[in-house]
């Protein structure tokens, strides 16, 4: 019996020593990184919110680590092409992706064979993004959300609204609003937010659910009227525009968020190191000013909190994505 106890004790000591050695090795690897340029894949075209956030944080990381972080735009298939590239890369920290709700919540539901948004990636840090806004042509007799609902009900044939495209966060918000209110709202899907906003401003379409970043210029000029936003609190630039939550729609809260991820199996010490530096970078005066001009909301979350959020977003939006897919058929 004593021999078994001694053997078990030796096993425990060996296991503890191995864990300590592995932990030290991971810490040493993280401390040495990076020793060469880091590739940051943006799975969308240049000029959008993902590109802006990717470049803001890449510049900060380049400055801090004294190593080049190269932003590479690899758009296509709703973010799948660039994300697949990263999912298949070595998990050494030298290939990262600007992930987000489009590429890691919506796209995998529509294309389940592309990749698993949880198992195939290491989710490092949330960057933030713009909220969606319900905006109407300013010449319409719609002053608030109650007025919008009344206006829609007065049109039994249905009220058309523009979206940046099927599967976008703004489109999902619009469909969720339709489901919650029971209104007869007919989505017109555009190839991007800009043409949708342009048609509403020209009164070709009465309303749109789109990103606030895209609609802001026309709201400022008075061509569009903002009815409600999906942010967790009112936006500083538009303090008179209420949130959907305060108007009684708590499920319509969220941003078209983007984040930093890498291939599955990245060194946990390196992930923590990157997470801490991204959070610091988003608080720098330069980043705060840049993102504020685009009405982007940021979040100061550690790795576990962010990973819980990704899973929660997948659970929340998957039914709406599937419903939208059925509606397209």
C-alpha atoms as a PDB file:
ATOM      1  CA  UNK A   1       0.000   0.000   0.000  1.00  0.00           C
ATOM      2  CA  UNK A   2       2.846   2.349   0.894  1.00  0.00           C
ATOM      3  CA  UNK A   3       4.522   1.538  -2.421  1.00  0.00           C
ATOM      4  CA  UNK A   4       1.368   2.580  -4.295  1.00  0.00           C
ATOM      5  CA  UNK A   5       1.206   5.818  -2.330  1.00  0.00           C
ATOM      6  CA  UNK A   6       4.864   6.597  -3.050  1.00  0.00           C
ATOM      7  CA  UNK A   7       4.353   5.827  -6.754  1.00  0.00           C
ATOM      8  CA  UNK A   8       1.286   8.067  -6.848  1.00  0.00           C
ATOM      9  CA  UNK A   9       3.189  10.866  -5.093  1.00  0.00           C
ATOM     10  CA  UNK A  10       6.043  10.562  -7.615  1.00  0.00           C
ATOM     11  CA  UNK A  11       3.501  10.745 -10.438  1.00  0.00           C
ATOM     12  CA  UNK A  12       2.005  13.919  -8.983  1.00  0.00           C
ATOM     13  CA  UNK A  13       5.433  15.496  -8.638  1.00  0.00           C
ATOM     14  CA  UNK A  14       6.365  14.537 -12.200  1.00  0.00           C
ATOM     15  CA  UNK A  15       3.095  15.949 -13.556  1.00  0.00           C
ATOM     16  CA  UNK A  16       3.565  19.189 -11.613  1.00  0.00           C
ATOM     17  CA  UNK A  17       7.141  19.523 -12.842  1.00  0.00           C
ATOM     18  CA  UNK A  18       6.056  18.906 -16.441  1.00  0.00           C
ATOM     19  CA  UNK A  19       3.295  21.510 -16.150  1.00  0.00           C
ATOM     20  CA  UNK A  20       5.718  24.034 -14.700  1.00  0.00           C
ATOM     21  CA  UNK A  21       8.246  23.337 -17.455  1.00  0.00           C
ATOM     22  CA  UNK A  22       5.559  23.668 -20.144  1.00  0.00           C
ATOM     23  CA  UNK A  23       4.315  26.893 -18.584  1.00  0.00           C
ATOM     24  CA  UNK A  24       7.837  28.321 -18.532  1.00  0.00           C
ATOM     25  CA  UNK A  25       8.353  27.330 -22.160  1.00  0.00           C
ATOM     26  CA  UNK A  26       5.098  29.012 -23.180  1.00  0.00           C
ATOM     27  CA  UNK A  27       6.026  32.161 -21.291  1.00  0.00           C
ATOM     28  CA  UNK A  28       9.497  32.231 -22.877  1.00  0.00           C
ATOM     29  CA  UNK A  29       7.997  31.772 -26.362  1.00  0.00           C
ATOM     30  CA  UNK A  30       5.527  34.591 -25.767  1.00  0.00           C
ATOM     31  CA  UNK A  31       8.284  36.839 -24.427  1.00  0.00           C
ATOM     32  CA  UNK A  32      10.376  36.312 -27.576  1.00  0.00           C
ATOM     33  CA  UNK A  33       7.493  36.961 -30.007  1.00  0.00           C
ATOM     34  CA  UNK A  34       7.556  38.591 -32.529  1.00  0.00           C
ATOM     35  CA  UNK A  35      10.910  38.096 -34.221  1.00  0.00           C
ATOM     36  CA  UNK A  36       9.610  38.690 -37.765  1.00  0.00           C
ATOM     37  CA  UNK A  37       6.735  40.541 -39.476  1.00  0.00           C
ATOM     38  CA  UNK A  38       3.189  39.569 -38.492  1.00  0.00           C
ATOM     39  CA  UNK A  39       0.467  39.189 -41.104  1.00  0.00           C
ATOM     40  CA  UNK A  40      -2.952  40.672 -40.204  1.00  0.00           C
ATOM     41  CA  UNK A  41      -5.562  39.470 -42.688  1.00  0.00           C
ATOM     42  CA  UNK A  42      -8.646  41.646 -43.165  1.00  0.00           C
ATOM     43  CA  UNK A  43     -11.194  39.383 -44.895  1.00  0.00           C
ATOM     44  CA  UNK A  44     -12.982  42.304 -46.520  1.00  0.00           C
ATOM     45  CA  UNK A  45     -12.237  45.040 -49.056  1.00  0.00           C
ATOM     46  CA  UNK A  46     -10.259  48.135 -48.024  1.00  0.00           C
ATOM     47  CA  UNK A  47     -12.072  51.136 -46.589  1.00  0.00           C
ATOM     48  CA  UNK A  48     -14.654  49.510 -44.334  1.00  0.00           C
ATOM     49  CA  UNK A  49     -14.906  49.364 -40.549  1.00  0.00           C
ATOM     50  CA  UNK A  50     -12.930  46.105 -40.375  1.00  0.00           C
ATOM     51  CA  UNK A  51     -10.126  47.663 -42.395  1.00  0.00           C
ATOM     52  CA  UNK A  52     -10.087  50.796 -40.224  1.00  0.00           C
ATOM     53  CA  UNK A  53      -9.962  48.830 -36.982  1.00  0.00           C
ATOM     54  CA  UNK A  54      -7.364  46.420 -38.351  1.00  0.00           C
ATOM     55  CA  UNK A  55      -5.050  49.238 -39.393  1.00  0.00           C
ATOM     56  CA  UNK A  56      -5.497  51.171 -36.140  1.00  0.00           C
ATOM     57  CA  UNK A  57      -4.529  48.187 -34.028  1.00  0.00           C
ATOM     58  CA  UNK A  58      -1.784  47.005 -36.439  1.00  0.00           C
ATOM     59  CA  UNK A  59      -0.091  50.379 -36.164  1.00  0.00           C
ATOM     60  CA  UNK A  60      -0.212  50.267 -32.374  1.00  0.00           C
ATOM     61  CA  UNK A  61       1.192  46.731 -32.253  1.00  0.00           C
ATOM     62  CA  UNK A  62       3.935  47.684 -34.719  1.00  0.00           C
ATOM     63  CA  UNK A  63       4.918  50.623 -32.526  1.00  0.00           C
ATOM     64  CA  UNK A  64       4.880  48.589 -29.315  1.00  0.00           C
ATOM     65  CA  UNK A  65       6.634  45.436 -30.502  1.00  0.00           C
ATOM     66  CA  UNK A  66       9.046  47.214 -32.892  1.00  0.00           C
ATOM     67  CA  UNK A  67       8.071  44.765 -35.606  1.00  0.00           C
ATOM     68  CA  UNK A  68       5.990  45.192 -38.763  1.00  0.00           C
ATOM     69  CA  UNK A  69       2.335  44.157 -38.639  1.00  0.00           C
ATOM     70  CA  UNK A  70       1.293  43.955 -42.300  1.00  0.00           C
ATOM     71  CA  UNK A  71      -2.415  44.417 -43.068  1.00  0.00           C
ATOM     72  CA  UNK A  72      -3.525  42.302 -46.009  1.00  0.00           C
ATOM     73  CA  UNK A  73      -7.037  42.593 -47.480  1.00  0.00           C
ATOM     74  CA  UNK A  74      -8.343  39.203 -48.646  1.00  0.00           C
ATOM     75  CA  UNK A  75     -12.036  39.806 -49.213  1.00  0.00           C
ATOM     76  CA  UNK A  76     -14.669  37.466 -50.584  1.00  0.00           C
ATOM     77  CA  UNK A  77     -17.570  35.202 -49.607  1.00  0.00           C
ATOM     78  CA  UNK A  78     -18.641  37.288 -46.625  1.00  0.00           C
ATOM     79  CA  UNK A  79     -15.252  37.035 -44.932  1.00  0.00           C
ATOM     80  CA  UNK A  80     -14.813  33.299 -45.490  1.00  0.00           C
ATOM     81  CA  UNK A  81     -11.861  33.403 -47.905  1.00  0.00           C
ATOM     82  CA  UNK A  82      -9.552  35.403 -45.666  1.00  0.00           C
ATOM     83  CA  UNK A  83     -10.710  33.613 -42.525  1.00  0.00           C
ATOM     84  CA  UNK A  84     -10.097  30.178 -44.052  1.00  0.00           C
ATOM     85  CA  UNK A  85      -6.568  31.243 -44.917  1.00  0.00           C
ATOM     86  CA  UNK A  86      -5.886  32.045 -41.263  1.00  0.00           C
ATOM     87  CA  UNK A  87      -7.654  28.951 -39.916  1.00  0.00           C
ATOM     88  CA  UNK A  88      -5.226  26.813 -41.939  1.00  0.00           C
ATOM     89  CA  UNK A  89      -2.104  28.740 -40.885  1.00  0.00           C
ATOM     90  CA  UNK A  90       0.410  27.720 -38.221  1.00  0.00           C
ATOM     91  CA  UNK A  91      -0.720  28.843 -34.737  1.00  0.00           C
ATOM     92  CA  UNK A  92       2.572  30.636 -34.082  1.00  0.00           C
ATOM     93  CA  UNK A  93       1.125  34.155 -33.823  1.00  0.00           C
ATOM     94  CA  UNK A  94       2.466  35.316 -37.187  1.00  0.00           C
ATOM     95  CA  UNK A  95      -0.863  35.038 -39.046  1.00  0.00           C
ATOM     96  CA  UNK A  96      -3.878  36.797 -37.514  1.00  0.00           C
ATOM     97  CA  UNK A  97      -7.295  37.804 -38.815  1.00  0.00           C
ATOM     98  CA  UNK A  98      -9.698  40.648 -38.180  1.00  0.00           C
ATOM     99  CA  UNK A  99     -12.666  38.428 -37.354  1.00  0.00           C
ATOM    100  CA  UNK A 100     -16.184  39.556 -36.496  1.00  0.00           C
ATOM    101  CA  UNK A 101     -19.906  38.972 -36.524  1.00  0.00           C
ATOM    102  CA  UNK A 102     -20.026  38.625 -40.305  1.00  0.00           C
ATOM    103  CA  UNK A 103     -17.184  36.157 -40.737  1.00  0.00           C
ATOM    104  CA  UNK A 104     -17.515  34.232 -37.478  1.00  0.00           C
ATOM    105  CA  UNK A 105     -21.223  34.296 -36.666  1.00  0.00           C
ATOM    106  CA  UNK A 106     -23.193  34.761 -39.892  1.00  0.00           C
ATOM    107  CA  UNK A 107     -20.990  33.164 -42.567  1.00  0.00           C
ATOM    108  CA  UNK A 108     -20.448  29.813 -40.784  1.00  0.00           C
ATOM    109  CA  UNK A 109     -24.223  29.341 -40.434  1.00  0.00           C
ATOM    110  CA  UNK A 110     -24.742  29.940 -44.145  1.00  0.00           C
ATOM    111  CA  UNK A 111     -21.628  27.896 -45.021  1.00  0.00           C
ATOM    112  CA  UNK A 112     -21.172  25.261 -42.296  1.00  0.00           C
ATOM    113  CA  UNK A 113     -18.435  23.429 -44.224  1.00  0.00           C
ATOM    114  CA  UNK A 114     -16.186  26.487 -44.392  1.00  0.00           C
ATOM    115  CA  UNK A 115     -14.880  26.298 -40.812  1.00  0.00           C
ATOM    116  CA  UNK A 116     -15.985  26.035 -37.200  1.00  0.00           C
ATOM    117  CA  UNK A 117     -15.926  29.575 -35.734  1.00  0.00           C
ATOM    118  CA  UNK A 118     -14.990  28.241 -32.281  1.00  0.00           C
ATOM    119  CA  UNK A 119     -12.888  25.105 -32.849  1.00  0.00           C
ATOM    120  CA  UNK A 120     -10.843  26.413 -35.777  1.00  0.00           C
ATOM    121  CA  UNK A 121      -9.798  29.734 -34.238  1.00  0.00           C
ATOM    122  CA  UNK A 122      -8.167  31.286 -31.196  1.00  0.00           C
ATOM    123  CA  UNK A 123     -10.186  34.379 -30.316  1.00  0.00           C
ATOM    124  CA  UNK A 124      -7.825  36.971 -28.865  1.00  0.00           C
ATOM    125  CA  UNK A 125      -9.499  40.346 -28.332  1.00  0.00           C
ATOM    126  CA  UNK A 126     -12.536  42.329 -29.392  1.00  0.00           C
ATOM    127  CA  UNK A 127     -11.787  45.566 -31.239  1.00  0.00           C
ATOM    128  CA  UNK A 128     -15.270  47.092 -31.464  1.00  0.00           C
ATOM    129  CA  UNK A 129     -17.347  48.480 -34.291  1.00  0.00           C
ATOM    130  CA  UNK A 130     -20.242  50.721 -35.269  1.00  0.00           C
ATOM    131  CA  UNK A 131     -23.826  50.176 -34.140  1.00  0.00           C
ATOM    132  CA  UNK A 132     -26.648  49.749 -36.616  1.00  0.00           C
ATOM    133  CA  UNK A 133     -29.212  52.506 -37.062  1.00  0.00           C
ATOM    134  CA  UNK A 134     -32.774  52.631 -38.334  1.00  0.00           C
ATOM    135  CA  UNK A 135     -32.821  55.697 -40.571  1.00  0.00           C
ATOM    136  CA  UNK A 136     -35.634  57.116 -42.706  1.00  0.00           C
ATOM    137  CA  UNK A 137     -35.862  59.741 -45.393  1.00  0.00           C
ATOM    138  CA  UNK A 138     -36.182  63.070 -43.593  1.00  0.00           C
ATOM    139  CA  UNK A 139     -39.155  64.211 -45.707  1.00  0.00           C
ATOM    140  CA  UNK A 140     -41.368  61.415 -44.371  1.00  0.00           C
ATOM    141  CA  UNK A 141     -43.754  62.149 -41.484  1.00  0.00           C
ATOM    142  CA  UNK A 142     -41.799  59.872 -39.145  1.00  0.00           C
ATOM    143  CA  UNK A 143     -40.272  61.494 -36.067  1.00  0.00           C
ATOM    144  CA  UNK A 144     -39.648  58.517 -33.770  1.00  0.00           C
ATOM    145  CA  UNK A 145     -39.990  54.749 -33.489  1.00  0.00           C
ATOM    146  CA  UNK A 146     -43.668  54.911 -32.591  1.00  0.00           C
ATOM    147  CA  UNK A 147     -44.197  56.999 -35.705  1.00  0.00           C
ATOM    148  CA  UNK A 148     -42.269  54.474 -37.808  1.00  0.00           C
ATOM    149  CA  UNK A 149     -44.406  51.608 -36.516  1.00  0.00           C
ATOM    150  CA  UNK A 150     -47.610  53.561 -37.193  1.00  0.00           C
ATOM    151  CA  UNK A 151     -46.389  54.461 -40.691  1.00  0.00           C
ATOM    152  CA  UNK A 152     -45.591  50.807 -41.448  1.00  0.00           C
ATOM    153  CA  UNK A 153     -48.989  49.636 -40.175  1.00  0.00           C
ATOM    154  CA  UNK A 154     -50.710  52.127 -42.486  1.00  0.00           C
ATOM    155  CA  UNK A 155     -49.198  50.281 -45.448  1.00  0.00           C
ATOM    156  CA  UNK A 156     -50.714  46.783 -45.527  1.00  0.00           C
ATOM    157  CA  UNK A 157     -48.851  46.044 -48.766  1.00  0.00           C
ATOM    158  CA  UNK A 158     -45.633  46.286 -46.780  1.00  0.00           C
ATOM    159  CA  UNK A 159     -42.979  48.884 -46.078  1.00  0.00           C
ATOM    160  CA  UNK A 160     -39.697  48.475 -47.945  1.00  0.00           C
ATOM    161  CA  UNK A 161     -36.380  48.972 -46.211  1.00  0.00           C
ATOM    162  CA  UNK A 162     -32.813  48.753 -47.452  1.00  0.00           C
ATOM    163  CA  UNK A 163     -30.022  46.667 -45.963  1.00  0.00           C
ATOM    164  CA  UNK A 164     -26.267  46.438 -46.716  1.00  0.00           C
ATOM    165  CA  UNK A 165     -26.882  42.857 -47.850  1.00  0.00           C
ATOM    166  CA  UNK A 166     -28.182  39.503 -46.690  1.00  0.00           C
ATOM    167  CA  UNK A 167     -26.267  38.197 -43.700  1.00  0.00           C
ATOM    168  CA  UNK A 168     -24.917  41.546 -42.531  1.00  0.00           C
ATOM    169  CA  UNK A 169     -25.454  42.591 -38.940  1.00  0.00           C
ATOM    170  CA  UNK A 170     -27.716  45.472 -40.003  1.00  0.00           C
ATOM    171  CA  UNK A 171     -29.849  43.102 -42.074  1.00  0.00           C
ATOM    172  CA  UNK A 172     -30.169  40.763 -39.095  1.00  0.00           C
ATOM    173  CA  UNK A 173     -31.222  43.674 -36.882  1.00  0.00           C
ATOM    174  CA  UNK A 174     -33.901  44.617 -39.404  1.00  0.00           C
ATOM    175  CA  UNK A 175     -35.218  41.063 -39.592  1.00  0.00           C
ATOM    176  CA  UNK A 176     -35.159  40.760 -35.802  1.00  0.00           C
ATOM    177  CA  UNK A 177     -37.132  44.014 -35.517  1.00  0.00           C
ATOM    178  CA  UNK A 178     -39.652  42.715 -38.042  1.00  0.00           C
ATOM    179  CA  UNK A 179     -40.025  39.479 -36.084  1.00  0.00           C
ATOM    180  CA  UNK A 180     -40.466  41.271 -32.749  1.00  0.00           C
ATOM    181  CA  UNK A 181     -43.018  43.788 -34.022  1.00  0.00           C
ATOM    182  CA  UNK A 182     -44.888  41.605 -36.502  1.00  0.00           C
ATOM    183  CA  UNK A 183     -44.758  44.445 -39.029  1.00  0.00           C
ATOM    184  CA  UNK A 184     -44.913  43.748 -42.748  1.00  0.00           C
ATOM    185  CA  UNK A 185     -41.414  44.964 -43.577  1.00  0.00           C
ATOM    186  CA  UNK A 186     -39.884  44.007 -46.922  1.00  0.00           C
ATOM    187  CA  UNK A 187     -36.092  43.897 -47.082  1.00  0.00           C
ATOM    188  CA  UNK A 188     -34.334  45.200 -50.180  1.00  0.00           C
ATOM    189  CA  UNK A 189     -30.845  43.764 -50.081  1.00  0.00           C
ATOM    190  CA  UNK A 190     -28.064  45.955 -51.503  1.00  0.00           C
ATOM    191  CA  UNK A 191     -24.434  45.176 -52.227  1.00  0.00           C
ATOM    192  CA  UNK A 192     -23.147  47.268 -49.371  1.00  0.00           C
ATOM    193  CA  UNK A 193     -24.315  49.997 -47.020  1.00  0.00           C
ATOM    194  CA  UNK A 194     -23.471  52.961 -49.265  1.00  0.00           C
ATOM    195  CA  UNK A 195     -25.998  52.230 -52.045  1.00  0.00           C
ATOM    196  CA  UNK A 196     -28.713  51.465 -49.486  1.00  0.00           C
ATOM    197  CA  UNK A 197     -28.147  54.793 -47.732  1.00  0.00           C
ATOM    198  CA  UNK A 198     -28.013  56.627 -51.062  1.00  0.00           C
ATOM    199  CA  UNK A 199     -31.436  55.300 -52.089  1.00  0.00           C
ATOM    200  CA  UNK A 200     -33.019  56.276 -48.778  1.00  0.00           C
ATOM    201  CA  UNK A 201     -31.502  59.756 -48.995  1.00  0.00           C
ATOM    202  CA  UNK A 202     -32.928  60.050 -52.526  1.00  0.00           C
ATOM    203  CA  UNK A 203     -36.343  58.828 -51.270  1.00  0.00           C
ATOM    204  CA  UNK A 204     -36.247  55.780 -53.526  1.00  0.00           C
ATOM    205  CA  UNK A 205     -36.665  53.618 -50.425  1.00  0.00           C
ATOM    206  CA  UNK A 206     -38.282  54.979 -47.261  1.00  0.00           C
ATOM    207  CA  UNK A 207     -35.988  53.422 -44.655  1.00  0.00           C
ATOM    208  CA  UNK A 208     -32.841  51.441 -44.007  1.00  0.00           C
ATOM    209  CA  UNK A 209     -31.187  49.433 -41.284  1.00  0.00           C
ATOM    210  CA  UNK A 210     -27.495  50.112 -41.801  1.00  0.00           C
ATOM    211  CA  UNK A 211     -24.290  50.951 -39.964  1.00  0.00           C
ATOM    212  CA  UNK A 212     -24.276  54.331 -38.278  1.00  0.00           C
ATOM    213  CA  UNK A 213     -20.824  54.991 -39.713  1.00  0.00           C
ATOM    214  CA  UNK A 214     -22.234  54.884 -43.250  1.00  0.00           C
ATOM    215  CA  UNK A 215     -25.403  56.843 -42.505  1.00  0.00           C
ATOM    216  CA  UNK A 216     -23.836  59.520 -40.294  1.00  0.00           C
ATOM    217  CA  UNK A 217     -23.008  61.989 -43.080  1.00  0.00           C
ATOM    218  CA  UNK A 218     -26.579  62.037 -44.408  1.00  0.00           C
ATOM    219  CA  UNK A 219     -27.945  62.289 -40.874  1.00  0.00           C
ATOM    220  CA  UNK A 220     -25.751  65.314 -40.215  1.00  0.00           C
ATOM    221  CA  UNK A 221     -26.843  66.951 -43.480  1.00  0.00           C
ATOM    222  CA  UNK A 222     -30.509  66.424 -42.677  1.00  0.00           C
ATOM    223  CA  UNK A 223     -31.293  64.108 -45.582  1.00  0.00           C
ATOM    224  CA  UNK A 224     -31.864  61.182 -43.226  1.00  0.00           C
ATOM    225  CA  UNK A 225     -33.488  61.058 -39.812  1.00  0.00           C
ATOM    226  CA  UNK A 226     -32.048  58.577 -37.308  1.00  0.00           C
ATOM    227  CA  UNK A 227     -34.829  56.796 -35.410  1.00  0.00           C
ATOM    228  CA  UNK A 228     -32.921  54.427 -33.098  1.00  0.00           C
ATOM    229  CA  UNK A 229     -29.488  52.841 -32.696  1.00  0.00           C
ATOM    230  CA  UNK A 230     -28.393  49.399 -31.499  1.00  0.00           C
ATOM    231  CA  UNK A 231     -25.545  50.599 -29.268  1.00  0.00           C
ATOM    232  CA  UNK A 232     -25.588  49.855 -25.538  1.00  0.00           C
ATOM    233  CA  UNK A 233     -25.817  53.590 -24.809  1.00  0.00           C
ATOM    234  CA  UNK A 234     -26.565  56.740 -26.779  1.00  0.00           C
ATOM    235  CA  UNK A 235     -23.928  57.913 -29.224  1.00  0.00           C
ATOM    236  CA  UNK A 236     -22.127  61.116 -28.221  1.00  0.00           C
ATOM    237  CA  UNK A 237     -22.449  62.677 -31.681  1.00  0.00           C
ATOM    238  CA  UNK A 238     -26.185  61.980 -31.816  1.00  0.00           C
ATOM    239  CA  UNK A 239     -27.373  62.330 -28.209  1.00  0.00           C
ATOM    240  CA  UNK A 240     -31.027  62.795 -29.213  1.00  0.00           C
ATOM    241  CA  UNK A 241     -31.207  59.409 -30.945  1.00  0.00           C
ATOM    242  CA  UNK A 242     -32.454  56.747 -28.494  1.00  0.00           C
ATOM    243  CA  UNK A 243     -31.261  53.158 -28.313  1.00  0.00           C
ATOM    244  CA  UNK A 244     -33.589  50.298 -29.205  1.00  0.00           C
ATOM    245  CA  UNK A 245     -33.106  48.968 -25.674  1.00  0.00           C
ATOM    246  CA  UNK A 246     -34.500  52.076 -24.010  1.00  0.00           C
ATOM    247  CA  UNK A 247     -37.463  51.938 -26.396  1.00  0.00           C
ATOM    248  CA  UNK A 248     -38.355  48.443 -25.235  1.00  0.00           C
ATOM    249  CA  UNK A 249     -36.325  46.211 -27.550  1.00  0.00           C
ATOM    250  CA  UNK A 250     -33.455  44.839 -25.423  1.00  0.00           C
ATOM    251  CA  UNK A 251     -32.680  42.079 -27.923  1.00  0.00           C
ATOM    252  CA  UNK A 252     -31.775  44.668 -30.545  1.00  0.00           C
ATOM    253  CA  UNK A 253     -28.510  45.649 -28.875  1.00  0.00           C
ATOM    254  CA  UNK A 254     -25.153  45.128 -30.471  1.00  0.00           C
ATOM    255  CA  UNK A 255     -22.549  46.449 -32.842  1.00  0.00           C
ATOM    256  CA  UNK A 256     -21.216  45.270 -36.155  1.00  0.00           C
ATOM    257  CA  UNK A 257     -18.262  44.129 -34.093  1.00  0.00           C
ATOM    258  CA  UNK A 258     -14.809  43.122 -35.232  1.00  0.00           C
ATOM    259  CA  UNK A 259     -12.057  41.372 -33.344  1.00  0.00           C
ATOM    260  CA  UNK A 260      -8.582  39.896 -33.549  1.00  0.00           C
ATOM    261  CA  UNK A 261      -8.247  36.123 -33.874  1.00  0.00           C
ATOM    262  CA  UNK A 262      -5.716  33.540 -34.955  1.00  0.00           C
ATOM    263  CA  UNK A 263      -5.581  29.835 -35.813  1.00  0.00           C
ATOM    264  CA  UNK A 264      -6.658  27.316 -33.191  1.00  0.00           C
ATOM    265  CA  UNK A 265      -3.962  26.236 -30.754  1.00  0.00           C
ATOM    266  CA  UNK A 266      -2.123  29.486 -30.180  1.00  0.00           C
ATOM    267  CA  UNK A 267       0.101  29.788 -27.118  1.00  0.00           C
ATOM    268  CA  UNK A 268      -2.139  30.992 -24.221  1.00  0.00           C
ATOM    269  CA  UNK A 269       0.610  33.250 -22.857  1.00  0.00           C
ATOM    270  CA  UNK A 270       0.933  34.909 -26.264  1.00  0.00           C
ATOM    271  CA  UNK A 271      -2.853  35.292 -26.504  1.00  0.00           C
ATOM    272  CA  UNK A 272      -2.957  37.028 -23.124  1.00  0.00           C
ATOM    273  CA  UNK A 273      -0.051  39.252 -24.162  1.00  0.00           C
ATOM    274  CA  UNK A 274      -1.812  40.289 -27.372  1.00  0.00           C
ATOM    275  CA  UNK A 275      -5.139  40.799 -25.627  1.00  0.00           C
ATOM    276  CA  UNK A 276      -3.588  43.153 -23.068  1.00  0.00           C
ATOM    277  CA  UNK A 277      -1.798  45.165 -25.745  1.00  0.00           C
ATOM    278  CA  UNK A 278      -4.860  45.453 -27.990  1.00  0.00           C
ATOM    279  CA  UNK A 279      -6.862  46.789 -25.050  1.00  0.00           C
ATOM    280  CA  UNK A 280      -4.141  49.323 -24.307  1.00  0.00           C
ATOM    281  CA  UNK A 281      -3.995  50.305 -27.960  1.00  0.00           C
ATOM    282  CA  UNK A 282      -7.709  51.040 -28.143  1.00  0.00           C
ATOM    283  CA  UNK A 283      -7.324  53.502 -25.272  1.00  0.00           C
ATOM    284  CA  UNK A 284      -4.557  55.580 -26.847  1.00  0.00           C
ATOM    285  CA  UNK A 285      -5.567  59.133 -27.763  1.00  0.00           C
ATOM    286  CA  UNK A 286      -4.940  58.479 -31.468  1.00  0.00           C
ATOM    287  CA  UNK A 287      -7.182  55.402 -31.520  1.00  0.00           C
ATOM    288  CA  UNK A 288      -9.905  57.028 -29.421  1.00  0.00           C
ATOM    289  CA  UNK A 289     -10.027  60.023 -31.759  1.00  0.00           C
ATOM    290  CA  UNK A 290      -9.978  57.932 -34.938  1.00  0.00           C
ATOM    291  CA  UNK A 291     -12.746  55.576 -33.826  1.00  0.00           C
ATOM    292  CA  UNK A 292     -14.895  58.329 -32.319  1.00  0.00           C
ATOM    293  CA  UNK A 293     -15.064  60.077 -35.699  1.00  0.00           C
ATOM    294  CA  UNK A 294     -16.637  56.884 -37.070  1.00  0.00           C
ATOM    295  CA  UNK A 295     -18.992  56.365 -34.107  1.00  0.00           C
ATOM    296  CA  UNK A 296     -17.378  53.072 -33.196  1.00  0.00           C
ATOM    297  CA  UNK A 297     -17.907  51.508 -29.802  1.00  0.00           C
ATOM    298  CA  UNK A 298     -14.999  49.651 -28.158  1.00  0.00           C
ATOM    299  CA  UNK A 299     -14.868  47.149 -25.294  1.00  0.00           C
ATOM    300  CA  UNK A 300     -12.252  46.439 -22.628  1.00  0.00           C
ATOM    301  CA  UNK A 301     -12.579  42.648 -22.279  1.00  0.00           C
ATOM    302  CA  UNK A 302     -10.115  39.953 -21.287  1.00  0.00           C
ATOM    303  CA  UNK A 303      -9.794  36.690 -23.247  1.00  0.00           C
ATOM    304  CA  UNK A 304     -12.417  34.619 -21.342  1.00  0.00           C
ATOM    305  CA  UNK A 305     -14.985  37.435 -21.446  1.00  0.00           C
ATOM    306  CA  UNK A 306     -14.532  37.897 -25.172  1.00  0.00           C
ATOM    307  CA  UNK A 307     -14.772  34.165 -25.894  1.00  0.00           C
ATOM    308  CA  UNK A 308     -17.992  33.956 -23.902  1.00  0.00           C
ATOM    309  CA  UNK A 309     -19.332  36.857 -25.965  1.00  0.00           C
ATOM    310  CA  UNK A 310     -18.533  35.099 -29.258  1.00  0.00           C
ATOM    311  CA  UNK A 311     -20.453  32.005 -28.155  1.00  0.00           C
ATOM    312  CA  UNK A 312     -23.350  34.132 -26.957  1.00  0.00           C
ATOM    313  CA  UNK A 313     -23.499  35.997 -30.281  1.00  0.00           C
ATOM    314  CA  UNK A 314     -23.530  32.707 -32.211  1.00  0.00           C
ATOM    315  CA  UNK A 315     -26.411  31.403 -30.089  1.00  0.00           C
ATOM    316  CA  UNK A 316     -28.321  34.692 -30.368  1.00  0.00           C
ATOM    317  CA  UNK A 317     -28.041  35.309 -34.122  1.00  0.00           C
ATOM    318  CA  UNK A 318     -28.053  31.782 -35.563  1.00  0.00           C
ATOM    319  CA  UNK A 319     -31.892  31.504 -35.584  1.00  0.00           C
ATOM    320  CA  UNK A 320     -32.194  34.828 -37.421  1.00  0.00           C
ATOM    321  CA  UNK A 321     -29.533  33.800 -39.972  1.00  0.00           C
ATOM    322  CA  UNK A 322     -31.342  30.517 -40.632  1.00  0.00           C
ATOM    323  CA  UNK A 323     -34.687  32.300 -40.941  1.00  0.00           C
ATOM    324  CA  UNK A 324     -33.190  34.737 -43.439  1.00  0.00           C
ATOM    325  CA  UNK A 325     -31.724  31.835 -45.430  1.00  0.00           C
ATOM    326  CA  UNK A 326     -35.153  30.188 -45.650  1.00  0.00           C
ATOM    327  CA  UNK A 327     -36.715  33.486 -46.745  1.00  0.00           C
ATOM    328  CA  UNK A 328     -34.211  33.736 -49.632  1.00  0.00           C
ATOM    329  CA  UNK A 329     -35.308  30.368 -51.081  1.00  0.00           C
END
